[in-house]
PDB file of N, CA and C in Angstrom:
ATOM      1  N   MET A   1      37.761 -32.027 -76.435  1.00  0.00           N
ATOM      2  CA  MET A   1      38.569 -32.204 -75.451  1.00  0.00           C
ATOM      3  C   MET A   1      38.640 -31.330 -74.951  1.00  0.00           C
ATOM      4  N   SER A   2      39.044 -30.854 -73.425  1.00  0.00           N
ATOM      5  CA  SER A   2      39.571 -29.920 -73.084  1.00  0.00           C
ATOM      6  C   SER A   2      40.713 -30.477 -72.454  1.00  0.00           C
ATOM      7  N   PHE A   3      41.440 -29.599 -71.617  1.00  0.00           N
ATOM      8  CA  PHE A   3      43.009 -29.964 -71.529  1.00  0.00           C
ATOM      9  C   PHE A   3      42.898 -30.061 -69.569  1.00  0.00           C
ATOM     10  N   LEU A   4      41.470 -30.233 -69.005  1.00  0.00           N
ATOM     11  CA  LEU A   4      41.319 -30.796 -67.835  1.00  0.00           C
ATOM     12  C   LEU A   4      40.950 -32.374 -67.820  1.00  0.00           C
ATOM     13  N   GLU A   5      40.273 -32.395 -69.181  1.00  0.00           N
ATOM     14  CA  GLU A   5      39.730 -33.844 -69.472  1.00  0.00           C
ATOM     15  C   GLU A   5      40.968 -34.622 -69.835  1.00  0.00           C
ATOM     16  N   ILE A   6      42.226 -34.448 -69.870  1.00  0.00           N
ATOM     17  CA  ILE A   6      43.349 -35.073 -69.878  1.00  0.00           C
ATOM     18  C   ILE A   6      43.741 -35.771 -68.675  1.00  0.00           C
ATOM     19  N   PHE A   7      43.793 -34.785 -67.269  1.00  0.00           N
ATOM     20  CA  PHE A   7      43.874 -35.541 -66.248  1.00  0.00           C
ATOM     21  C   PHE A   7      42.799 -35.854 -65.364  1.00  0.00           C
ATOM     22  N   GLN A   8      41.623 -35.441 -65.631  1.00  0.00           N
ATOM     23  CA  GLN A   8      40.520 -35.780 -64.927  1.00  0.00           C
ATOM     24  C   GLN A   8      39.446 -36.413 -65.882  1.00  0.00           C
ATOM     25  N   PRO A   9      39.714 -37.896 -66.664  1.00  0.00           N
ATOM     26  CA  PRO A   9      38.840 -38.522 -67.033  1.00  0.00           C
ATOM     27  C   PRO A   9      37.478 -38.187 -66.876  1.00  0.00           C
ATOM     28  N   GLY A  10      37.278 -37.957 -65.480  1.00  0.00           N
ATOM     29  CA  GLY A  10      35.732 -38.084 -65.047  1.00  0.00           C
ATOM     30  C   GLY A  10      34.622 -37.216 -65.645  1.00  0.00           C
ATOM     31  N   LEU A  11      35.413 -35.752 -65.902  1.00  0.00           N
ATOM     32  CA  LEU A  11      35.242 -34.831 -66.503  1.00  0.00           C
ATOM     33  C   LEU A  11      34.723 -35.197 -68.150  1.00  0.00           C
ATOM     34  N   LYS A  12      35.310 -35.725 -68.776  1.00  0.00           N
ATOM     35  CA  LYS A  12      34.937 -36.133 -69.769  1.00  0.00           C
ATOM     36  C   LYS A  12      32.996 -37.085 -70.045  1.00  0.00           C
ATOM     37  N   HIS A  13      33.110 -37.799 -69.536  1.00  0.00           N
ATOM     38  CA  HIS A  13      31.688 -38.845 -69.071  1.00  0.00           C
ATOM     39  C   HIS A  13      30.972 -37.456 -68.514  1.00  0.00           C
ATOM     40  N   LEU A  14      31.175 -36.207 -67.593  1.00  0.00           N
ATOM     41  CA  LEU A  14      30.431 -35.520 -67.048  1.00  0.00           C
ATOM     42  C   LEU A  14      29.997 -34.759 -68.350  1.00  0.00           C
ATOM     43  N   ARG A  15      30.749 -34.484 -68.755  1.00  0.00           N
ATOM     44  CA  ARG A  15      30.267 -33.459 -70.460  1.00  0.00           C
ATOM     45  C   ARG A  15      29.883 -34.211 -71.848  1.00  0.00           C
ATOM     46  N   GLU A  16      29.924 -35.585 -71.250  1.00  0.00           N
ATOM     47  CA  GLU A  16      29.214 -36.397 -72.627  1.00  0.00           C
ATOM     48  C   GLU A  16      27.915 -36.818 -72.169  1.00  0.00           C
ATOM     49  N   GLU A  17      27.364 -36.623 -70.279  1.00  0.00           N
ATOM     50  CA  GLU A  17      26.203 -37.374 -70.200  1.00  0.00           C
ATOM     51  C   GLU A  17      25.640 -35.723 -70.131  1.00  0.00           C
ATOM     52  N   ARG A  18      25.929 -34.621 -69.957  1.00  0.00           N
ATOM     53  CA  ARG A  18      25.228 -33.438 -70.285  1.00  0.00           C
ATOM     54  C   ARG A  18      25.098 -33.136 -71.710  1.00  0.00           C
ATOM     55  N   ASP A  19      25.767 -33.153 -72.594  1.00  0.00           N
ATOM     56  CA  ASP A  19      25.199 -33.392 -74.080  1.00  0.00           C
ATOM     57  C   ASP A  19      23.926 -34.610 -74.810  1.00  0.00           C
ATOM     58  N   ARG A  20      24.299 -35.339 -73.537  1.00  0.00           N
ATOM     59  CA  ARG A  20      23.453 -36.399 -74.072  1.00  0.00           C
ATOM     60  C   ARG A  20      21.761 -35.841 -73.658  1.00  0.00           C
ATOM     61  N   GLN A  21      21.880 -35.628 -72.223  1.00  0.00           N
ATOM     62  CA  GLN A  21      20.626 -35.207 -71.762  1.00  0.00           C
ATOM     63  C   GLN A  21      19.995 -34.041 -72.396  1.00  0.00           C
ATOM     64  N   LYS A  22      20.930 -33.143 -73.087  1.00  0.00           N
ATOM     65  CA  LYS A  22      20.488 -32.228 -73.817  1.00  0.00           C
ATOM     66  C   LYS A  22      19.522 -32.372 -74.861  1.00  0.00           C
ATOM     67  N   MET A  23      19.788 -33.841 -75.654  1.00  0.00           N
ATOM     68  CA  MET A  23      19.120 -34.253 -76.649  1.00  0.00           C
ATOM     69  C   MET A  23      18.354 -35.319 -76.436  1.00  0.00           C
ATOM     70  N   LEU A  24      17.926 -35.791 -75.262  1.00  0.00           N
ATOM     71  CA  LEU A  24      16.837 -36.308 -74.613  1.00  0.00           C
ATOM     72  C   LEU A  24      15.912 -36.169 -74.847  1.00  0.00           C
ATOM     73  N   VAL A  25      14.542 -36.543 -75.479  1.00  0.00           N
ATOM     74  CA  VAL A  25      13.519 -36.211 -75.751  1.00  0.00           C
ATOM     75  C   VAL A  25      12.502 -37.292 -75.115  1.00  0.00           C
ATOM     76  N   VAL A  26      12.031 -36.778 -74.164  1.00  0.00           N
ATOM     77  CA  VAL A  26      11.075 -38.371 -73.062  1.00  0.00           C
ATOM     78  C   VAL A  26       9.583 -37.721 -73.862  1.00  0.00           C
ATOM     79  N   ARG A  27       8.606 -38.614 -74.038  1.00  0.00           N
ATOM     80  CA  ARG A  27       7.511 -38.431 -74.610  1.00  0.00           C
ATOM     81  C   ARG A  27       6.931 -39.197 -73.781  1.00  0.00           C
ATOM     82  N   PRO A  28       5.546 -38.563 -73.181  1.00  0.00           N
ATOM     83  CA  PRO A  28       4.759 -39.605 -72.728  1.00  0.00           C
ATOM     84  C   PRO A  28       3.865 -40.420 -72.864  1.00  0.00           C
ATOM     85  N   SER A  29       3.833 -41.659 -72.216  1.00  0.00           N
ATOM     86  CA  SER A  29       3.440 -43.311 -72.730  1.00  0.00           C
ATOM     87  C   SER A  29       1.694 -43.146 -72.234  1.00  0.00           C
ATOM     88  N   HIS A  30       1.496 -42.196 -71.182  1.00  0.00           N
ATOM     89  CA  HIS A  30       0.234 -42.613 -70.844  1.00  0.00           C
ATOM     90  C   HIS A  30      -1.085 -41.936 -71.675  1.00  0.00           C
ATOM     91  N   GLY A  31      -0.164 -41.269 -72.507  1.00  0.00           N
ATOM     92  CA  GLY A  31      -1.308 -40.597 -73.699  1.00  0.00           C
ATOM     93  C   GLY A  31      -2.507 -40.077 -72.998  1.00  0.00           C
ATOM     94  N   GLY A  32      -2.625 -38.954 -72.011  1.00  0.00           N
ATOM     95  CA  GLY A  32      -3.349 -38.081 -71.619  1.00  0.00           C
ATOM     96  C   GLY A  32      -2.997 -36.678 -72.097  1.00  0.00           C
ATOM     97  N   GLY A  33      -4.092 -35.557 -72.413  1.00  0.00           N
ATOM     98  CA  GLY A  33      -3.724 -34.053 -72.949  1.00  0.00           C
ATOM     99  C   GLY A  33      -2.849 -33.492 -72.049  1.00  0.00           C
ATOM    100  N   ALA A  34      -2.840 -32.429 -72.963  1.00  0.00           N
ATOM    101  CA  ALA A  34      -1.575 -31.197 -72.488  1.00  0.00           C
ATOM    102  C   ALA A  34      -1.634 -31.050 -71.297  1.00  0.00           C
ATOM    103  N   PRO A  35      -0.854 -30.956 -70.064  1.00  0.00           N
ATOM    104  CA  PRO A  35      -1.110 -30.528 -68.667  1.00  0.00           C
ATOM    105  C   PRO A  35      -1.380 -28.788 -68.477  1.00  0.00           C
ATOM    106  N   MET A  36      -2.514 -28.509 -68.403  1.00  0.00           N
ATOM    107  CA  MET A  36      -2.659 -27.382 -67.913  1.00  0.00           C
ATOM    108  C   MET A  36      -3.086 -26.443 -69.204  1.00  0.00           C
ATOM    109  N   GLY A  37      -3.425 -27.007 -70.185  1.00  0.00           N
ATOM    110  CA  GLY A  37      -3.754 -26.207 -71.408  1.00  0.00           C
ATOM    111  C   GLY A  37      -2.430 -25.810 -72.097  1.00  0.00           C
ATOM    112  N   ILE A  38      -1.321 -26.584 -71.920  1.00  0.00           N
ATOM    113  CA  ILE A  38       0.190 -26.470 -72.769  1.00  0.00           C
ATOM    114  C   ILE A  38      -0.188 -27.519 -73.962  1.00  0.00           C
ATOM    115  N   ASP A  39       0.258 -26.497 -75.157  1.00  0.00           N
ATOM    116  CA  ASP A  39      -0.004 -27.218 -76.284  1.00  0.00           C
ATOM    117  C   ASP A  39       1.579 -27.316 -77.149  1.00  0.00           C
ATOM    118  N   LEU A  40       2.473 -28.111 -76.941  1.00  0.00           N
ATOM    119  CA  LEU A  40       3.332 -27.553 -77.682  1.00  0.00           C
ATOM    120  C   LEU A  40       3.621 -27.535 -79.075  1.00  0.00           C
ATOM    121  N   ASP A  41       3.005 -28.851 -79.825  1.00  0.00           N
ATOM    122  CA  ASP A  41       3.039 -28.458 -81.298  1.00  0.00           C
ATOM    123  C   ASP A  41       2.298 -27.365 -81.668  1.00  0.00           C
ATOM    124  N   ALA A  42       1.263 -26.786 -81.037  1.00  0.00           N
ATOM    125  CA  ALA A  42       0.432 -25.580 -81.623  1.00  0.00           C
ATOM    126  C   ALA A  42       1.403 -24.059 -80.975  1.00  0.00           C
ATOM    127  N   GLY A  43       2.503 -24.583 -80.371  1.00  0.00           N
ATOM    128  CA  GLY A  43       3.098 -23.572 -79.993  1.00  0.00           C
ATOM    129  C   GLY A  43       2.079 -21.953 -78.891  1.00  0.00           C
ATOM    130  N   LYS A  44       1.361 -22.955 -78.587  1.00  0.00           N
ATOM    131  CA  LYS A  44       0.399 -21.988 -77.559  1.00  0.00           C
ATOM    132  C   LYS A  44       0.187 -22.679 -76.027  1.00  0.00           C
ATOM    133  N   ALA A  45      -0.367 -22.076 -75.073  1.00  0.00           N
ATOM    134  CA  ALA A  45      -0.650 -22.036 -73.438  1.00  0.00           C
ATOM    135  C   ALA A  45      -1.726 -21.427 -73.195  1.00  0.00           C
ATOM    136  N   THR A  46      -2.134 -22.139 -72.405  1.00  0.00           N
ATOM    137  CA  THR A  46      -3.446 -20.957 -71.720  1.00  0.00           C
ATOM    138  C   THR A  46      -3.061 -20.914 -70.541  1.00  0.00           C
ATOM    139  N   ILE A  47      -3.533 -19.932 -70.091  1.00  0.00           N
ATOM    140  CA  ILE A  47      -3.721 -19.570 -68.291  1.00  0.00           C
ATOM    141  C   ILE A  47      -4.715 -19.158 -67.937  1.00  0.00           C
ATOM    142  N   ALA A  48      -5.458 -20.014 -67.183  1.00  0.00           N
ATOM    143  CA  ALA A  48      -6.667 -19.385 -66.498  1.00  0.00           C
ATOM    144  C   ALA A  48      -6.448 -18.530 -65.184  1.00  0.00           C
ATOM    145  N   VAL A  49      -6.707 -17.554 -65.135  1.00  0.00           N
ATOM    146  CA  VAL A  49      -6.501 -16.812 -64.072  1.00  0.00           C
ATOM    147  C   VAL A  49      -8.021 -16.349 -63.311  1.00  0.00           C
ATOM    148  N   THR A  50      -8.081 -16.705 -62.070  1.00  0.00           N
ATOM    149  CA  THR A  50      -9.457 -16.440 -61.208  1.00  0.00           C
ATOM    150  C   THR A  50      -9.430 -14.620 -61.137  1.00  0.00           C
ATOM    151  N   PRO A  51     -10.207 -13.969 -60.825  1.00  0.00           N
ATOM    152  CA  PRO A  51     -10.232 -12.565 -60.645  1.00  0.00           C
ATOM    153  C   PRO A  51      -9.849 -12.758 -59.173  1.00  0.00           C
ATOM    154  N   PRO A  52      -8.874 -11.755 -58.293  1.00  0.00           N
ATOM    155  CA  PRO A  52      -9.340 -11.506 -56.870  1.00  0.00           C
ATOM    156  C   PRO A  52     -10.071 -11.370 -56.152  1.00  0.00           C
ATOM    157  N   GLN A  53     -10.979 -11.766 -54.932  1.00  0.00           N
ATOM    158  CA  GLN A  53     -11.696 -11.231 -54.057  1.00  0.00           C
ATOM    159  C   GLN A  53     -11.304 -10.359 -53.464  1.00  0.00           C
ATOM    160  N   PHE A  54     -12.049  -9.526 -53.449  1.00  0.00           N
ATOM    161  CA  PHE A  54     -11.600  -7.865 -52.282  1.00  0.00           C
ATOM    162  C   PHE A  54     -12.996  -8.073 -51.207  1.00  0.00           C
ATOM    163  N   GLU A  55     -12.781  -8.166 -49.947  1.00  0.00           N
ATOM    164  CA  GLU A  55     -13.815  -7.671 -48.947  1.00  0.00           C
ATOM    165  C   GLU A  55     -13.633  -6.473 -48.423  1.00  0.00           C
ATOM    166  N   LEU A  56     -14.389  -5.423 -48.666  1.00  0.00           N
ATOM    167  CA  LEU A  56     -14.257  -4.387 -48.441  1.00  0.00           C
ATOM    168  C   LEU A  56     -15.267  -4.205 -47.067  1.00  0.00           C
ATOM    169  N   ASP A  57     -14.131  -3.415 -45.807  1.00  0.00           N
ATOM    170  CA  ASP A  57     -14.237  -3.167 -44.644  1.00  0.00           C
ATOM    171  C   ASP A  57     -15.205  -2.196 -44.486  1.00  0.00           C
ATOM    172  N   GLU A  58     -16.458  -2.068 -43.923  1.00  0.00           N
ATOM    173  CA  GLU A  58     -17.156  -1.148 -43.642  1.00  0.00           C
ATOM    174  C   GLU A  58     -17.093  -0.253 -42.365  1.00  0.00           C
ATOM    175  N   PRO A  59     -17.189   0.753 -42.265  1.00  0.00           N
ATOM    176  CA  PRO A  59     -17.000   1.160 -41.159  1.00  0.00           C
ATOM    177  C   PRO A  59     -18.157   1.077 -40.498  1.00  0.00           C
ATOM    178  N   ASP A  60     -18.875   0.801 -39.261  1.00  0.00           N
ATOM    179  CA  ASP A  60     -19.908   0.841 -38.810  1.00  0.00           C
ATOM    180  C   ASP A  60     -20.541   2.690 -38.011  1.00  0.00           C
ATOM    181  N   ALA A  61     -21.262   2.799 -38.129  1.00  0.00           N
ATOM    182  CA  ALA A  61     -22.237   3.977 -38.132  1.00  0.00           C
ATOM    183  C   ALA A  61     -21.680   4.345 -36.687  1.00  0.00           C
ATOM    184  N   GLN A  62     -21.411   3.752 -35.620  1.00  0.00           N
ATOM    185  CA  GLN A  62     -21.140   4.146 -34.596  1.00  0.00           C
ATOM    186  C   GLN A  62     -19.287   4.244 -34.172  1.00  0.00           C
ATOM    187  N   ASP A  63     -19.040   3.308 -34.943  1.00  0.00           N
ATOM    188  CA  ASP A  63     -17.592   3.284 -35.366  1.00  0.00           C
ATOM    189  C   ASP A  63     -16.909   5.062 -35.231  1.00  0.00           C
ATOM    190  N   THR A  64     -16.718   5.957 -34.755  1.00  0.00           N
ATOM    191  CA  THR A  64     -16.053   7.225 -35.206  1.00  0.00           C
ATOM    192  C   THR A  64     -14.352   7.290 -34.484  1.00  0.00           C
ATOM    193  N   GLY A  65     -13.511   6.533 -34.619  1.00  0.00           N
ATOM    194  CA  GLY A  65     -12.267   6.470 -34.312  1.00  0.00           C
ATOM    195  C   GLY A  65     -11.891   5.195 -33.476  1.00  0.00           C
ATOM    196  N   PRO A  66     -10.429   5.356 -33.373  1.00  0.00           N
ATOM    197  CA  PRO A  66      -9.912   4.212 -32.105  1.00  0.00           C
ATOM    198  C   PRO A  66     -10.557   4.633 -31.234  1.00  0.00           C
ATOM    199  N   ALA A  67     -10.391   3.803 -30.039  1.00  0.00           N
ATOM    200  CA  ALA A  67     -10.652   3.629 -28.809  1.00  0.00           C
ATOM    201  C   ALA A  67      -9.522   3.906 -27.702  1.00  0.00           C
TER     202      ALA A  67
END
């Protein structure tokens, strides 16, 4: 209990609620697989990255410079 909680009882409620939410564990009930390859039990996450596709601008043979 802090000194301020004596004069503002709402702070005690906020502190208790924050502590409760830190301990709260929500388990999904739908039974689906892990989203985006995250496996918390194994401690692994798979991230799929697609390579960027570059378009090369080739100068035309007639183009000699700015007009």
